[in-house]
């Protein structure tokens, strides 16, 4: 019987060195993650904005004679105007509306308006709606006895969320500025990124990188962009007709649009409120406006999405809800993009690794 061969000292030393290196790399990676974790959502948002706005930046830079920094500054101003200003207006509206409701409940002056008599003349549903709203207005005190504590709690929660809303506003703004900085340095970063992806994915890295950019732009324009347009348009109508807490309802429309649910779920009750509280003509105009906003995705998506990547709506829904639960309002925008990107990359990888035939 042959005696077992001793383990070579050189091999053992190399194994120990390899383990030590791996441990040091793991420690460094974890340490770096802990440092950037508080800013991770904001950085991901900035990268999404930079990739989505890169075609616009290139066109602006070409029109400005190659001045990339000026073009990036214009993109940053546009992003701040489109993102930060509406979020700030909605936040102020939510907080002010919560204060008004809370104060009127404490003072006992909160009331439900009587519906307009013209509502009863509506065919089929007019009389039923008029009696329902009139009953609510007549028995407002009993209704408020039941829902008053919940309304107060909701108002307190909205006021308590002001700090978190301010943080989200800061993240939106900082993300736009970081995206502009990334756009300025696109030419320097592209070779580094190509090299990194090639080391990770091999020869397929370049195609994966192209697919990633196409997916991010497609979801950003076709889902986030369409939802933002619908939310802003709905907010304009809600503000114009004078619905209390207009910012909150506009935000709900935005959320519904992102998760691919019809905005009429929010705008429908607003239409009934309009006919019960304002004149017939403004209520009819608001109804028409709300219907147009609700069906606008039918022509906005083809216009913005073009030949973009098609992602199942279930992926968008899960990404939006999961992102919002994990990262708040910013996660509502990040979640669909990140999950759609993972879905597309996984599908491409499986398609390439599958055996032929």
Protein backbone atom coordinates (compact mmCIF):
# COMPACT_ATOMS: atom_id res chain seq x y z
CA UNK A 1 0.00 0.00 0.00
CA UNK A 2 1.35 3.35 -1.03
CA UNK A 3 1.66 5.99 1.71
CA UNK A 4 -0.38 9.21 1.16
CA UNK A 5 1.59 11.90 -0.52
CA UNK A 6 2.24 14.91 1.74
CA UNK A 7 0.49 18.15 0.84
CA UNK A 8 3.09 20.39 -0.83
CA UNK A 9 4.16 23.30 1.32
CA UNK A 10 4.09 25.62 -1.69
CA UNK A 11 0.48 24.71 -2.55
CA UNK A 12 -0.64 25.25 1.06
CA UNK A 13 1.06 28.64 1.15
CA UNK A 14 -0.62 29.65 -2.12
CA UNK A 15 -4.03 28.52 -0.78
CA UNK A 16 -3.59 30.60 2.37
CA UNK A 17 -2.57 33.63 0.33
CA UNK A 18 -5.60 33.23 -1.92
CA UNK A 19 -7.94 32.98 1.08
CA UNK A 20 -6.38 36.06 2.68
CA UNK A 21 -6.79 38.03 -0.55
CA UNK A 22 -10.43 36.98 -0.90
CA UNK A 23 -11.14 37.92 2.70
CA UNK A 24 -9.50 41.32 2.26
CA UNK A 25 -11.45 41.95 -0.96
CA UNK A 26 -14.70 40.91 0.76
CA UNK A 27 -13.97 43.18 3.75
CA UNK A 28 -13.18 46.09 1.43
CA UNK A 29 -16.35 45.47 -0.62
CA UNK A 30 -18.56 45.33 2.48
CA UNK A 31 -16.90 48.43 3.90
CA UNK A 32 -17.41 50.36 0.66
CA UNK A 33 -21.05 49.24 0.52
CA UNK A 34 -21.69 50.43 4.07
CA UNK A 35 -20.25 53.81 3.17
CA UNK A 36 -22.33 54.34 0.03
CA UNK A 37 -25.49 52.55 1.24
CA UNK A 38 -27.18 55.78 2.46
CA UNK A 39 -26.66 57.28 -1.01
CA UNK A 40 -27.30 54.16 -3.07
CA UNK A 41 -30.85 55.02 -4.15
CA UNK A 42 -29.80 58.52 -5.14
CA UNK A 43 -26.82 57.23 -7.13
CA UNK A 44 -28.93 54.64 -8.94
CA UNK A 45 -31.46 57.36 -9.74
CA UNK A 46 -28.68 59.58 -11.09
CA UNK A 47 -27.39 56.78 -13.34
CA UNK A 48 -30.91 56.13 -14.65
CA UNK A 49 -31.38 59.82 -15.41
CA UNK A 50 -27.99 60.06 -17.13
CA UNK A 51 -28.65 57.05 -19.37
CA UNK A 52 -32.19 58.17 -20.18
CA UNK A 53 -31.10 61.74 -21.00
CA UNK A 54 -27.92 60.86 -22.90
CA UNK A 55 -29.53 61.15 -26.38
CA UNK A 56 -30.94 64.56 -25.46
CA UNK A 57 -27.55 65.64 -24.12
CA UNK A 58 -25.84 64.56 -27.34
CA UNK A 59 -28.28 66.55 -29.47
CA UNK A 60 -27.89 69.64 -27.31
CA UNK A 61 -24.10 69.34 -27.32
CA UNK A 62 -24.13 69.09 -31.12
CA UNK A 63 -26.38 72.13 -31.42
CA UNK A 64 -24.09 74.08 -29.05
CA UNK A 65 -20.92 73.34 -30.99
CA UNK A 66 -19.71 70.46 -28.86
CA UNK A 67 -19.95 72.25 -25.51
CA UNK A 68 -20.82 69.20 -23.42
CA UNK A 69 -20.77 71.02 -20.06
CA UNK A 70 -23.28 73.64 -21.19
CA UNK A 71 -25.54 70.93 -22.62
CA UNK A 72 -25.33 68.98 -19.34
CA UNK A 73 -26.23 72.15 -17.43
CA UNK A 74 -29.32 72.61 -19.60
CA UNK A 75 -30.31 68.99 -19.00
CA UNK A 76 -29.89 69.51 -15.24
CA UNK A 77 -32.09 72.63 -15.33
CA UNK A 78 -34.71 70.73 -17.31
CA UNK A 79 -34.66 67.80 -14.88
CA UNK A 80 -34.88 70.08 -11.86
CA UNK A 81 -37.83 71.91 -13.41
CA UNK A 82 -39.64 68.72 -14.38
CA UNK A 83 -38.91 66.71 -11.22
CA UNK A 84 -38.25 68.97 -8.26
CA UNK A 85 -40.79 71.73 -8.83
CA UNK A 86 -43.86 69.44 -9.14
CA UNK A 87 -42.73 67.34 -6.17
CA UNK A 88 -42.30 70.49 -4.09
CA UNK A 89 -45.73 71.82 -5.08
CA UNK A 90 -47.39 68.50 -4.35
CA UNK A 91 -45.64 68.20 -0.98
CA UNK A 92 -46.72 71.69 0.10
CA UNK A 93 -50.27 70.98 -1.04
CA UNK A 94 -50.43 67.70 0.88
CA UNK A 95 -49.14 69.28 4.07
CA UNK A 96 -51.35 72.37 3.83
CA UNK A 97 -54.39 70.24 3.07
CA UNK A 98 -53.68 68.03 6.06
CA UNK A 99 -53.37 71.11 8.29
CA UNK A 100 -56.69 72.53 7.07
CA UNK A 101 -58.54 69.23 7.60
CA UNK A 102 -57.01 68.74 11.05
CA UNK A 103 -57.82 72.30 12.14
CA UNK A 104 -61.42 72.13 10.88
CA UNK A 105 -61.95 68.79 12.62
CA UNK A 106 -60.63 70.17 15.91
CA UNK A 107 -62.82 73.29 15.58
CA UNK A 108 -65.89 71.29 14.54
CA UNK A 109 -66.31 73.34 11.36
CA UNK A 110 -65.62 70.55 8.88
CA UNK A 111 -68.62 70.03 6.58
CA UNK A 112 -69.60 68.10 3.49
CA UNK A 113 -71.09 70.32 0.73
CA UNK A 114 -74.62 69.72 -0.54
CA UNK A 115 -74.76 68.45 -4.14
CA UNK A 116 -76.01 70.62 -6.98
CA UNK A 117 -79.65 69.94 -7.95
CA UNK A 118 -78.55 69.56 -11.56
CA UNK A 119 -76.89 66.29 -10.59
CA UNK A 120 -80.31 64.69 -10.05
CA UNK A 121 -81.21 65.29 -13.70
CA UNK A 122 -78.44 62.98 -14.92
CA UNK A 123 -79.77 59.91 -16.72
CA UNK A 124 -79.69 56.54 -14.95
CA UNK A 125 -77.26 57.36 -12.09
CA UNK A 126 -78.01 61.04 -11.43
CA UNK A 127 -80.81 60.59 -8.88
CA UNK A 128 -78.92 57.87 -7.01
CA UNK A 129 -75.74 59.97 -6.76
CA UNK A 130 -77.70 63.04 -5.69
CA UNK A 131 -79.44 61.15 -2.88
CA UNK A 132 -76.15 59.57 -1.75
CA UNK A 133 -74.26 62.86 -1.61
CA UNK A 134 -77.19 64.72 -0.09
CA UNK A 135 -77.45 62.07 2.62
CA UNK A 136 -73.76 62.41 3.39
CA UNK A 137 -74.07 66.20 3.61
CA UNK A 138 -77.20 66.05 5.79
CA UNK A 139 -75.69 63.53 8.20
CA UNK A 140 -72.22 65.02 8.13
CA UNK A 141 -71.95 65.03 11.91
CA UNK A 142 -72.64 61.30 12.17
CA UNK A 143 -70.24 60.59 9.33
CA UNK A 144 -67.52 62.65 10.96
CA UNK A 145 -68.04 60.88 14.28
CA UNK A 146 -67.08 57.65 12.53
CA UNK A 147 -64.27 58.83 10.28
CA UNK A 148 -63.04 61.87 12.22
CA UNK A 149 -60.35 59.98 14.20
CA UNK A 150 -59.09 58.34 11.01
CA UNK A 151 -58.94 61.70 9.22
CA UNK A 152 -56.99 63.19 12.13
CA UNK A 153 -54.57 60.27 12.10
CA UNK A 154 -54.15 60.66 8.35
CA UNK A 155 -53.42 64.36 8.76
CA UNK A 156 -50.86 63.68 11.47
CA UNK A 157 -49.21 61.04 9.29
CA UNK A 158 -49.01 63.48 6.38
CA UNK A 159 -47.44 66.14 8.58
CA UNK A 160 -45.03 63.59 10.01
CA UNK A 161 -44.00 62.63 6.47
CA UNK A 162 -42.86 66.18 5.73
CA UNK A 163 -39.30 65.37 6.74
CA UNK A 164 -39.25 62.27 4.57
CA UNK A 165 -40.77 64.25 1.73
CA UNK A 166 -38.01 66.81 2.11
CA UNK A 167 -35.42 64.02 1.93
CA UNK A 168 -37.02 62.67 -1.26
CA UNK A 169 -36.99 66.18 -2.72
CA UNK A 170 -33.29 66.47 -1.91
CA UNK A 171 -32.62 63.09 -3.52
CA UNK A 172 -34.46 64.09 -6.68
CA UNK A 173 -32.49 67.31 -6.96
CA UNK A 174 -29.12 65.79 -6.11
CA UNK A 175 -29.76 62.95 -8.55
CA UNK A 176 -30.37 65.45 -11.35
CA UNK A 177 -27.09 67.26 -10.60
CA UNK A 178 -25.10 64.01 -10.40
CA UNK A 179 -26.65 62.90 -13.69
CA UNK A 180 -25.41 66.12 -15.31
CA UNK A 181 -21.90 65.42 -13.99
CA UNK A 182 -22.05 61.89 -15.42
CA UNK A 183 -23.13 63.26 -18.80
CA UNK A 184 -20.17 65.64 -18.90
CA UNK A 185 -17.78 62.73 -18.28
CA UNK A 186 -19.46 60.24 -20.61
CA UNK A 187 -16.49 59.99 -22.98
CA UNK A 188 -14.08 59.29 -20.12
CA UNK A 189 -16.31 56.76 -18.40
CA UNK A 190 -17.42 54.78 -21.47
CA UNK A 191 -14.09 52.90 -22.05
CA UNK A 192 -13.84 52.08 -18.34
CA UNK A 193 -17.41 50.79 -18.28
CA UNK A 194 -16.89 48.74 -21.44
CA UNK A 195 -13.78 47.18 -19.95
CA UNK A 196 -15.53 46.37 -16.68
CA UNK A 197 -18.51 44.77 -18.40
CA UNK A 198 -16.19 42.78 -20.68
CA UNK A 199 -14.33 41.42 -17.64
CA UNK A 200 -17.63 40.41 -16.02
CA UNK A 201 -19.62 39.07 -18.99
CA UNK A 202 -16.89 38.29 -21.47
CA UNK A 203 -17.54 38.81 -25.22
CA UNK A 204 -21.25 39.27 -24.53
CA UNK A 205 -20.59 42.32 -22.37
CA UNK A 206 -21.00 44.85 -25.17
CA UNK A 207 -24.40 43.46 -26.22
CA UNK A 208 -25.54 43.34 -22.59
CA UNK A 209 -24.49 46.97 -22.16
CA UNK A 210 -26.51 48.02 -25.21
CA UNK A 211 -29.52 46.06 -23.95
CA UNK A 212 -29.22 47.67 -20.52
CA UNK A 213 -29.23 51.19 -21.93
CA UNK A 214 -32.18 50.40 -24.22
CA UNK A 215 -34.17 48.89 -21.35
CA UNK A 216 -33.54 51.83 -19.02
CA UNK A 217 -34.54 54.37 -21.67
CA UNK A 218 -37.59 52.36 -22.69
CA UNK A 219 -38.98 51.95 -19.18
CA UNK A 220 -38.06 55.50 -18.17
CA UNK A 221 -39.87 57.04 -21.14
CA UNK A 222 -42.68 54.55 -21.63
CA UNK A 223 -43.63 54.04 -17.97
CA UNK A 224 -42.14 56.75 -15.75
CA UNK A 225 -42.46 59.50 -18.37
CA UNK A 226 -46.05 58.67 -19.27
CA UNK A 227 -47.04 58.39 -15.60
CA UNK A 228 -45.39 61.74 -14.79
CA UNK A 229 -47.27 63.45 -17.64
CA UNK A 230 -50.55 61.95 -16.47
CA UNK A 231 -49.86 62.96 -12.87
CA UNK A 232 -49.04 66.56 -13.82
CA UNK A 233 -52.07 66.87 -16.10
CA UNK A 234 -54.33 65.37 -13.45
CA UNK A 235 -52.85 67.76 -10.88
CA UNK A 236 -53.59 70.75 -13.12
CA UNK A 237 -57.22 69.72 -13.40
CA UNK A 238 -57.58 68.95 -9.70
CA UNK A 239 -55.96 72.26 -8.71
CA UNK A 240 -58.13 74.17 -11.19
CA UNK A 241 -61.40 72.75 -9.90
CA UNK A 242 -60.37 73.37 -6.30
CA UNK A 243 -60.40 69.85 -4.85
CA UNK A 244 -59.11 69.92 -1.24
CA UNK A 245 -55.70 68.29 -0.85
CA UNK A 246 -55.10 68.44 -4.60
CA UNK A 247 -51.43 67.49 -4.31
CA UNK A 248 -52.27 64.24 -2.54
CA UNK A 249 -54.75 63.19 -5.24
CA UNK A 250 -52.31 64.08 -8.02
CA UNK A 251 -49.65 61.97 -6.30
CA UNK A 252 -52.09 59.05 -6.12
CA UNK A 253 -52.77 59.41 -9.85
CA UNK A 254 -49.01 59.27 -10.48
CA UNK A 255 -48.69 56.11 -8.39
CA UNK A 256 -51.62 54.44 -10.15
CA UNK A 257 -50.20 55.34 -13.55
CA UNK A 258 -46.81 53.85 -12.71
CA UNK A 259 -48.32 50.59 -11.46
CA UNK A 260 -50.43 50.45 -14.65
CA UNK A 261 -53.81 51.04 -13.02
CA UNK A 262 -56.37 53.49 -14.50
CA UNK A 263 -56.20 57.02 -13.05
CA UNK A 264 -60.01 57.05 -13.09
CA UNK A 265 -59.86 55.14 -9.81
CA UNK A 266 -58.88 58.49 -8.26
CA UNK A 267 -60.37 60.92 -10.77
CA UNK A 268 -63.80 59.23 -10.77
CA UNK A 269 -64.69 60.28 -7.20
CA UNK A 270 -63.24 63.71 -7.98
CA UNK A 271 -65.75 64.06 -10.83
CA UNK A 272 -68.63 63.25 -8.47
CA UNK A 273 -67.26 65.77 -5.97
CA UNK A 274 -67.05 68.40 -8.70
CA UNK A 275 -70.71 68.00 -9.67
CA UNK A 276 -71.68 68.16 -5.99
CA UNK A 277 -69.56 71.19 -5.09
CA UNK A 278 -68.96 73.42 -8.13
CA UNK A 279 -71.04 74.59 -11.07
CA UNK A 280 -72.16 72.27 -13.83
CA UNK A 281 -69.93 73.80 -16.50
CA UNK A 282 -66.66 73.49 -14.48
CA UNK A 283 -67.67 69.96 -13.45
CA UNK A 284 -68.27 68.93 -17.06
CA UNK A 285 -64.96 70.45 -18.15
CA UNK A 286 -63.16 68.65 -15.34
CA UNK A 287 -64.85 65.38 -16.29
CA UNK A 288 -63.76 65.72 -19.92
CA UNK A 289 -60.24 66.65 -18.81
CA UNK A 290 -60.07 63.65 -16.46
CA UNK A 291 -61.22 61.23 -19.13
CA UNK A 292 -58.60 62.59 -21.55
CA UNK A 293 -55.90 62.23 -18.88
CA UNK A 294 -56.98 58.65 -18.15
CA UNK A 295 -56.83 57.52 -21.77
CA UNK A 296 -53.76 59.57 -22.69
CA UNK A 297 -51.42 56.63 -22.13
CA UNK A 298 -52.92 55.05 -25.23
CA UNK A 299 -51.14 57.57 -27.47
CA UNK A 300 -48.36 58.72 -25.14
CA UNK A 301 -46.77 55.29 -24.82
CA UNK A 302 -46.41 54.68 -28.58
CA UNK A 303 -45.06 58.20 -29.02
CA UNK A 304 -42.47 57.95 -26.23
CA UNK A 305 -41.72 54.24 -26.30
CA UNK A 306 -41.24 53.87 -30.04
CA UNK A 307 -39.44 50.59 -30.66
CA UNK A 308 -38.27 50.27 -27.11
CA UNK A 309 -37.88 47.04 -25.16
CA UNK A 310 -41.17 45.41 -24.22
CA UNK A 311 -41.33 44.50 -20.52
CA UNK A 312 -44.29 42.62 -18.99
CA UNK A 313 -46.55 44.84 -16.96
CA UNK A 314 -46.32 42.46 -14.00
CA UNK A 315 -42.60 43.23 -13.76
CA UNK A 316 -43.37 46.96 -13.75
CA UNK A 317 -46.10 46.51 -11.14
CA UNK A 318 -43.93 44.49 -8.77
CA UNK A 319 -40.99 46.85 -9.28
CA UNK A 320 -43.07 49.95 -8.53
CA UNK A 321 -44.76 48.56 -5.43
CA UNK A 322 -41.63 46.87 -4.10
CA UNK A 323 -39.50 49.93 -4.79
CA UNK A 324 -41.94 52.21 -3.00
CA UNK A 325 -42.13 49.89 0.03
CA UNK A 326 -38.36 49.63 0.28
CA UNK A 327 -37.21 53.14 -0.68
CA UNK A 328 -40.23 55.44 -0.44
CA UNK A 329 -41.30 57.79 -3.22
CA UNK A 330 -37.91 57.58 -4.96
CA UNK A 331 -38.19 53.81 -5.07
CA UNK A 332 -41.46 54.20 -6.97
CA UNK A 333 -39.37 55.46 -9.90
CA UNK A 334 -36.28 53.29 -9.41
CA UNK A 335 -38.02 49.97 -8.78
CA UNK A 336 -39.63 49.44 -12.22
CA UNK A 337 -36.42 50.37 -14.05
CA UNK A 338 -34.14 48.13 -11.97
CA UNK A 339 -36.49 45.13 -12.05
CA UNK A 340 -37.12 45.52 -15.78
CA UNK A 341 -33.35 45.68 -16.36
CA UNK A 342 -32.82 42.49 -14.34
CA UNK A 343 -35.62 40.78 -16.24
CA UNK A 344 -34.23 41.69 -19.66
CA UNK A 345 -30.63 40.77 -18.79
CA UNK A 346 -31.72 37.45 -17.31
CA UNK A 347 -33.74 36.68 -20.43
CA UNK A 348 -30.82 37.56 -22.72
CA UNK A 349 -28.40 35.46 -20.66
CA UNK A 350 -30.72 32.45 -20.65
CA UNK A 351 -31.31 32.78 -24.39
CA UNK A 352 -27.58 32.78 -25.12
CA UNK A 353 -26.69 29.99 -22.67
CA UNK A 354 -29.51 27.68 -23.79
CA UNK A 355 -28.32 24.72 -25.89
CA UNK A 356 -29.31 24.89 -29.57
CA UNK A 357 -32.11 22.95 -30.91
